[in-house]
Amino acid sequence: MAGQPGRPVPADEEYRRMPLVLLQNAVPSCNLSYLAAAFMVSWVVFFVYVFFVSRKQQDMSREITQLRDALEQPGAGDGD
């Protein structure tokens, strides 16, 4: 018997034991629209994130430039 422990199971018998859902061709295409929607949403979220990070980086760069200019002015580091 092929189901006994220690004995290898032939490949064709292993496929016969698989659930019917895995062997049907129509099942994966049913969820393809959900997969595509999730893929698109993830890319939109990624680009929104990149947009906000780049804006924050620009704001920080502008603030660093302002601080550098303020420190270069004469008497700015005296505290008076």
Protein backbone atom coordinates (compact mmCIF):
# COMPACT_ATOMS: atom_id res chain seq x y z
CA MET A 1 0.00 0.00 0.00
CA ALA A 2 1.38 3.42 -0.95
CA GLY A 3 0.02 5.13 2.17
CA GLN A 4 2.20 3.17 4.57
CA PRO A 5 4.89 5.07 6.44
CA GLY A 6 8.37 4.72 5.01
CA ARG A 7 7.22 3.91 1.49
CA PRO A 8 7.38 6.61 -1.21
CA VAL A 9 4.11 7.75 -2.76
CA PRO A 10 4.06 7.80 -6.57
CA ALA A 11 3.56 11.28 -8.03
CA ASP A 12 0.36 10.39 -9.90
CA GLU A 13 -1.24 9.03 -6.73
CA GLU A 14 -0.23 12.15 -4.83
CA TYR A 15 -2.00 14.32 -7.42
CA ARG A 16 -5.12 12.17 -7.14
CA ARG A 17 -5.22 12.94 -3.42
CA MET A 18 -5.15 16.72 -3.95
CA PRO A 19 -8.38 18.58 -3.29
CA LEU A 20 -10.52 19.25 -6.32
CA VAL A 21 -10.23 23.01 -5.78
CA LEU A 22 -6.52 22.98 -6.62
CA LEU A 23 -7.14 21.16 -9.88
CA GLN A 24 -9.84 23.42 -11.26
CA ASN A 25 -8.72 26.04 -13.76
CA ALA A 26 -11.60 28.45 -13.07
CA VAL A 27 -10.84 29.10 -9.41
CA PRO A 28 -7.65 31.19 -9.73
CA SER A 29 -9.21 33.52 -12.31
CA CYS A 30 -12.10 34.29 -9.96
CA ASN A 31 -9.74 36.07 -7.60
CA LEU A 32 -7.61 37.71 -10.27
CA SER A 33 -9.54 40.99 -10.11
CA TYR A 34 -8.98 41.16 -6.34
CA LEU A 35 -5.29 40.48 -6.82
CA ALA A 36 -5.02 43.24 -9.42
CA ALA A 37 -6.92 45.66 -7.17
CA ALA A 38 -4.66 44.88 -4.21
CA PHE A 39 -1.61 45.32 -6.45
CA MET A 40 -2.82 48.72 -7.65
CA VAL A 41 -3.72 49.88 -4.14
CA SER A 42 -0.29 48.91 -2.86
CA TRP A 43 1.41 50.92 -5.61
CA VAL A 44 -0.82 53.94 -4.91
CA VAL A 45 0.04 53.74 -1.20
CA PHE A 46 3.73 53.47 -2.08
CA PHE A 47 3.68 56.56 -4.32
CA VAL A 48 1.69 58.58 -1.77
CA TYR A 49 4.28 57.63 0.85
CA VAL A 50 7.15 58.65 -1.45
CA PHE A 51 5.41 61.95 -2.18
CA PHE A 52 5.00 62.83 1.51
CA VAL A 53 8.54 61.74 2.38
CA SER A 54 9.97 63.88 -0.42
CA ARG A 55 7.94 66.89 0.76
CA LYS A 56 9.17 66.38 4.30
CA GLN A 57 12.75 66.12 3.03
CA GLN A 58 12.35 69.37 1.09
CA ASP A 59 10.96 71.11 4.19
CA MET A 60 13.87 69.87 6.29
CA SER A 61 16.38 70.94 3.65
CA ARG A 62 14.82 74.41 3.55
CA GLU A 63 14.93 74.63 7.35
CA ILE A 64 18.60 73.54 7.41
CA THR A 65 19.41 76.25 4.88
CA GLN A 66 17.63 78.85 7.00
CA LEU A 67 19.48 77.73 10.13
CA ARG A 68 22.82 77.77 8.30
CA ASP A 69 22.12 81.30 7.05
CA ALA A 70 21.14 82.40 10.55
CA LEU A 71 24.36 81.01 12.00
CA GLU A 72 26.50 82.70 9.35
CA GLN A 73 25.17 86.16 10.24
CA PRO A 74 27.54 88.15 12.44
CA GLY A 75 26.61 88.05 16.11
CA ALA A 76 24.15 85.16 15.72
CA GLY A 77 26.14 82.84 17.99
CA ASP A 78 26.76 85.39 20.78
CA GLY A 79 23.43 84.87 22.52
CA ASP A 80 22.84 88.62 22.92
